[in-house]
N, C-alpha and C. Protein backbone atom coordinates (compact mmCIF):
# COMPACT_ATOMS: atom_id res chain seq x y z
N UNK A 1 -25.92 20.94 -62.21
CA UNK A 1 -25.23 22.21 -62.72
C UNK A 1 -26.24 23.40 -62.37
N UNK A 2 -25.52 24.58 -62.39
CA UNK A 2 -26.24 25.72 -62.05
C UNK A 2 -25.51 26.98 -62.68
N UNK A 3 -26.28 27.73 -63.14
CA UNK A 3 -25.84 29.01 -63.74
C UNK A 3 -26.44 30.30 -63.04
N UNK A 4 -25.57 31.02 -62.50
CA UNK A 4 -25.96 32.27 -61.71
C UNK A 4 -26.27 33.42 -62.74
N UNK A 5 -27.48 33.69 -62.98
CA UNK A 5 -27.76 34.72 -64.05
C UNK A 5 -27.30 36.13 -63.78
N UNK A 6 -27.23 36.52 -62.64
CA UNK A 6 -26.87 38.02 -62.32
C UNK A 6 -25.68 38.01 -61.42
N UNK A 7 -24.73 37.06 -61.69
CA UNK A 7 -23.51 36.91 -60.92
C UNK A 7 -22.73 38.19 -60.78
N UNK A 8 -22.33 38.83 -61.95
CA UNK A 8 -21.51 39.90 -61.95
C UNK A 8 -22.24 41.12 -61.29
N UNK A 9 -23.48 41.22 -61.20
CA UNK A 9 -24.20 42.30 -60.67
C UNK A 9 -24.25 42.37 -59.02
N UNK A 10 -23.90 41.25 -58.39
CA UNK A 10 -24.01 40.98 -57.10
C UNK A 10 -22.54 41.44 -56.37
N UNK A 11 -21.57 41.73 -57.25
CA UNK A 11 -20.16 41.97 -56.37
C UNK A 11 -20.24 43.50 -55.78
N UNK A 12 -19.76 43.53 -54.70
CA UNK A 12 -19.55 44.95 -54.02
C UNK A 12 -18.24 45.40 -54.34
N UNK A 13 -18.18 46.73 -54.73
CA UNK A 13 -16.76 47.24 -55.15
C UNK A 13 -16.03 47.74 -53.86
N UNK A 14 -14.89 47.49 -53.76
CA UNK A 14 -13.94 47.97 -52.75
C UNK A 14 -13.38 49.39 -53.11
N UNK A 15 -13.12 49.63 -54.36
CA UNK A 15 -12.48 50.80 -54.75
C UNK A 15 -13.47 51.68 -55.50
N UNK A 16 -13.12 52.94 -55.64
CA UNK A 16 -13.99 53.83 -56.32
C UNK A 16 -13.81 53.58 -57.91
N UNK A 17 -15.03 53.37 -58.53
CA UNK A 17 -15.12 53.32 -59.98
C UNK A 17 -16.23 54.32 -60.48
N UNK A 18 -15.85 54.97 -61.62
CA UNK A 18 -16.67 55.92 -62.29
C UNK A 18 -16.96 55.38 -63.70
N UNK A 19 -18.01 55.88 -64.27
CA UNK A 19 -18.24 55.69 -65.76
C UNK A 19 -19.00 56.96 -66.26
N UNK A 20 -19.04 57.03 -67.48
CA UNK A 20 -19.77 58.13 -68.16
C UNK A 20 -21.24 57.91 -68.12
N UNK A 21 -22.04 58.76 -68.20
CA UNK A 21 -23.39 58.76 -68.01
C UNK A 21 -23.94 58.06 -69.35
N UNK A 22 -24.93 57.17 -69.06
CA UNK A 22 -25.64 56.54 -70.25
C UNK A 22 -26.28 57.58 -71.07
N UNK A 23 -26.23 57.72 -72.45
CA UNK A 23 -26.73 58.85 -73.13
C UNK A 23 -28.12 59.14 -72.89
N UNK A 24 -29.01 58.10 -72.63
CA UNK A 24 -30.45 58.43 -72.39
C UNK A 24 -30.69 59.10 -70.98
N UNK A 25 -29.65 59.34 -70.12
CA UNK A 25 -29.87 59.88 -68.86
C UNK A 25 -29.17 61.42 -68.85
N UNK A 26 -28.44 61.59 -69.82
CA UNK A 26 -27.76 62.93 -69.69
C UNK A 26 -28.77 64.13 -69.82
N UNK A 27 -28.69 65.01 -68.93
CA UNK A 27 -29.55 66.16 -68.86
C UNK A 27 -28.91 67.32 -69.49
N UNK A 28 -29.58 68.34 -70.08
CA UNK A 28 -29.04 69.39 -70.68
C UNK A 28 -28.27 70.23 -69.74
N UNK A 29 -27.00 70.51 -70.00
CA UNK A 29 -26.11 71.34 -69.21
C UNK A 29 -25.40 70.49 -68.28
N UNK A 30 -25.56 69.19 -68.16
CA UNK A 30 -24.83 68.29 -67.45
C UNK A 30 -24.31 67.26 -68.21
N UNK A 31 -23.80 67.34 -69.33
CA UNK A 31 -23.29 66.37 -70.15
C UNK A 31 -21.90 66.01 -69.73
N UNK A 32 -21.11 66.70 -69.04
CA UNK A 32 -19.71 66.28 -68.55
C UNK A 32 -19.70 65.56 -67.21
N UNK A 33 -21.01 65.37 -66.63
CA UNK A 33 -20.90 64.74 -65.36
C UNK A 33 -20.90 63.10 -65.61
N UNK A 34 -20.30 62.37 -64.52
CA UNK A 34 -20.29 61.02 -64.68
C UNK A 34 -21.14 60.28 -63.54
N UNK A 35 -20.87 58.88 -63.48
CA UNK A 35 -21.63 58.12 -62.48
C UNK A 35 -20.73 57.41 -61.47
N UNK A 36 -20.83 57.36 -60.33
CA UNK A 36 -20.07 56.57 -59.46
C UNK A 36 -20.69 55.23 -59.23
N UNK A 37 -20.00 54.19 -59.42
CA UNK A 37 -20.62 52.88 -59.22
C UNK A 37 -20.50 52.36 -57.80
N UNK A 38 -21.61 51.87 -57.27
CA UNK A 38 -21.59 51.28 -55.94
C UNK A 38 -21.43 49.90 -55.96
N UNK A 39 -21.82 49.01 -57.04
CA UNK A 39 -21.66 47.62 -57.20
C UNK A 39 -21.24 47.44 -58.67
N UNK A 40 -20.67 46.33 -58.83
CA UNK A 40 -20.12 45.95 -60.08
C UNK A 40 -21.28 45.86 -61.25
N UNK A 41 -20.82 45.95 -62.40
CA UNK A 41 -21.77 45.80 -63.64
C UNK A 41 -20.98 44.94 -64.60
N UNK A 42 -21.76 44.34 -65.62
CA UNK A 42 -21.07 43.63 -66.62
C UNK A 42 -20.16 44.40 -67.36
N UNK A 43 -19.07 43.95 -67.76
CA UNK A 43 -17.94 44.59 -68.52
C UNK A 43 -16.96 45.30 -67.63
N UNK A 44 -17.08 45.42 -66.45
CA UNK A 44 -16.24 46.01 -65.57
C UNK A 44 -15.05 44.99 -65.15
N UNK A 45 -13.71 45.52 -65.18
CA UNK A 45 -12.68 44.51 -64.89
C UNK A 45 -12.69 43.74 -63.71
N UNK A 46 -13.17 44.52 -62.70
CA UNK A 46 -13.16 43.99 -61.33
C UNK A 46 -14.43 42.96 -61.08
N UNK A 47 -15.30 43.03 -61.83
CA UNK A 47 -16.75 42.18 -61.72
C UNK A 47 -16.45 40.81 -61.50
N UNK A 48 -15.60 40.08 -62.10
CA UNK A 48 -15.32 38.63 -61.90
C UNK A 48 -14.74 38.43 -60.49
N UNK A 49 -13.79 39.22 -60.11
CA UNK A 49 -13.13 39.04 -58.78
C UNK A 49 -14.07 39.28 -57.68
N UNK A 50 -14.99 40.32 -57.81
CA UNK A 50 -15.84 40.77 -56.84
C UNK A 50 -16.94 39.71 -56.59
N UNK A 51 -17.32 39.11 -57.64
CA UNK A 51 -18.28 37.88 -57.58
C UNK A 51 -17.65 36.91 -56.95
N UNK A 52 -16.48 36.40 -57.27
CA UNK A 52 -15.71 35.23 -56.47
C UNK A 52 -15.73 35.53 -55.06
N UNK A 53 -15.36 36.91 -54.77
CA UNK A 53 -15.28 37.21 -53.23
C UNK A 53 -16.54 37.05 -52.46
N UNK A 54 -17.68 37.44 -53.12
CA UNK A 54 -19.04 37.39 -52.68
C UNK A 54 -19.43 35.87 -52.52
N UNK A 55 -18.99 35.06 -53.32
CA UNK A 55 -19.35 33.57 -53.39
C UNK A 55 -18.54 32.89 -52.31
N UNK A 56 -17.19 33.26 -52.17
CA UNK A 56 -16.33 32.44 -51.42
C UNK A 56 -16.63 32.51 -49.92
N UNK A 57 -16.96 33.63 -49.29
CA UNK A 57 -17.32 33.58 -47.91
C UNK A 57 -18.35 32.75 -47.33
N UNK A 58 -19.47 33.03 -48.14
CA UNK A 58 -20.69 32.08 -47.60
C UNK A 58 -20.58 30.56 -47.90
N UNK A 59 -19.80 30.19 -48.90
CA UNK A 59 -19.67 28.89 -49.29
C UNK A 59 -18.67 28.09 -48.17
N UNK A 60 -17.80 28.85 -47.81
CA UNK A 60 -16.89 28.46 -46.64
C UNK A 60 -17.66 28.29 -45.30
N UNK A 61 -18.69 29.19 -45.13
CA UNK A 61 -19.45 28.98 -43.83
C UNK A 61 -20.18 27.74 -44.00
N UNK A 62 -20.49 27.16 -45.06
CA UNK A 62 -21.22 25.98 -45.17
C UNK A 62 -20.41 24.66 -44.95
N UNK A 63 -19.09 25.01 -44.70
CA UNK A 63 -18.13 23.89 -44.43
C UNK A 63 -17.43 23.45 -45.63
N UNK A 64 -17.40 24.01 -46.72
CA UNK A 64 -16.59 23.65 -47.75
C UNK A 64 -15.17 24.26 -47.63
N UNK A 65 -14.27 23.59 -48.20
CA UNK A 65 -12.85 23.97 -48.10
C UNK A 65 -12.35 24.26 -49.47
N UNK A 66 -11.44 25.35 -49.70
CA UNK A 66 -11.05 25.69 -50.95
C UNK A 66 -9.87 24.78 -51.23
N UNK A 67 -9.77 24.25 -52.49
CA UNK A 67 -8.62 23.65 -53.04
C UNK A 67 -7.37 24.35 -53.04
N UNK A 68 -6.23 23.85 -52.67
CA UNK A 68 -4.95 24.53 -52.60
C UNK A 68 -4.39 24.82 -53.95
N UNK A 69 -4.55 23.92 -54.83
CA UNK A 69 -4.11 23.99 -56.22
C UNK A 69 -4.93 24.98 -57.12
N UNK A 70 -6.22 24.99 -56.98
CA UNK A 70 -7.19 25.73 -57.85
C UNK A 70 -8.17 26.27 -56.95
N UNK A 71 -8.32 27.50 -56.84
CA UNK A 71 -9.03 28.28 -55.93
C UNK A 71 -10.54 28.14 -56.21
N UNK A 72 -10.84 27.74 -57.49
CA UNK A 72 -12.39 27.57 -57.70
C UNK A 72 -12.97 26.25 -57.68
N UNK A 73 -12.22 25.44 -56.89
CA UNK A 73 -12.59 24.03 -56.65
C UNK A 73 -12.87 23.98 -55.04
N UNK A 74 -14.06 23.56 -54.61
CA UNK A 74 -14.49 23.40 -53.08
C UNK A 74 -14.69 22.01 -52.94
N UNK A 75 -14.50 21.61 -51.81
CA UNK A 75 -14.82 20.23 -51.22
C UNK A 75 -15.37 20.12 -49.95
N UNK A 76 -16.27 19.26 -49.71
CA UNK A 76 -16.65 19.06 -48.36
C UNK A 76 -16.91 17.53 -48.07
N UNK A 77 -16.34 16.96 -46.95
CA UNK A 77 -16.33 15.51 -46.56
C UNK A 77 -17.01 15.46 -45.23
N UNK A 78 -18.08 14.65 -45.32
CA UNK A 78 -18.79 14.49 -44.01
C UNK A 78 -19.35 13.16 -43.88
N UNK A 79 -19.12 12.39 -42.88
CA UNK A 79 -19.68 11.02 -42.65
C UNK A 79 -19.50 10.03 -43.80
N UNK A 80 -18.31 10.01 -44.35
CA UNK A 80 -17.97 9.18 -45.44
C UNK A 80 -18.37 9.56 -46.72
N UNK A 81 -19.16 10.66 -46.83
CA UNK A 81 -19.57 11.23 -48.17
C UNK A 81 -18.87 12.57 -48.58
N UNK A 82 -18.89 12.78 -49.71
CA UNK A 82 -18.16 14.09 -50.09
C UNK A 82 -18.95 14.72 -51.26
N UNK A 83 -18.65 16.00 -51.36
CA UNK A 83 -19.18 16.93 -52.51
C UNK A 83 -18.14 17.75 -52.91
N UNK A 84 -17.99 17.73 -54.20
CA UNK A 84 -17.07 18.67 -54.97
C UNK A 84 -17.95 19.74 -55.69
N UNK A 85 -17.65 21.04 -55.48
CA UNK A 85 -18.21 22.13 -56.07
C UNK A 85 -17.10 22.81 -56.85
N UNK A 86 -17.35 22.96 -58.15
CA UNK A 86 -16.51 23.69 -59.12
C UNK A 86 -17.14 24.89 -59.63
N UNK A 87 -16.47 25.92 -59.38
CA UNK A 87 -17.00 27.28 -59.82
C UNK A 87 -16.34 27.64 -61.12
N UNK A 88 -16.87 27.87 -62.22
CA UNK A 88 -16.36 28.47 -63.45
C UNK A 88 -17.11 29.79 -63.86
N UNK A 89 -16.37 30.80 -63.64
CA UNK A 89 -17.04 32.12 -64.00
C UNK A 89 -18.31 32.20 -63.14
N UNK A 90 -19.52 32.09 -63.78
CA UNK A 90 -20.89 32.07 -62.99
C UNK A 90 -21.53 30.85 -63.14
N UNK A 91 -20.90 29.65 -63.38
CA UNK A 91 -21.33 28.40 -63.58
C UNK A 91 -20.93 27.51 -62.56
N UNK A 92 -21.83 26.59 -62.05
CA UNK A 92 -21.44 25.53 -60.87
C UNK A 92 -21.76 24.18 -61.41
């Protein structure tokens, strides 16, 4: 078993996403400015999907195949041996 501690922080955003400035960073006179996100953060609706996409590419390069019925189950068969890898949010 494995838990990816910073899974949602590793996703690359494909679309533009903005957020309000954290209160501790607001400078006097710039209170109406916001921040553009370059990568996903916890709580972002796209974070789970972006983490999945980041994981999917490399795991397939290792020879794993995605299950047709459930996209988060991967399998690899070689020399009469097999591995099943099951991804559930940020746990494997």
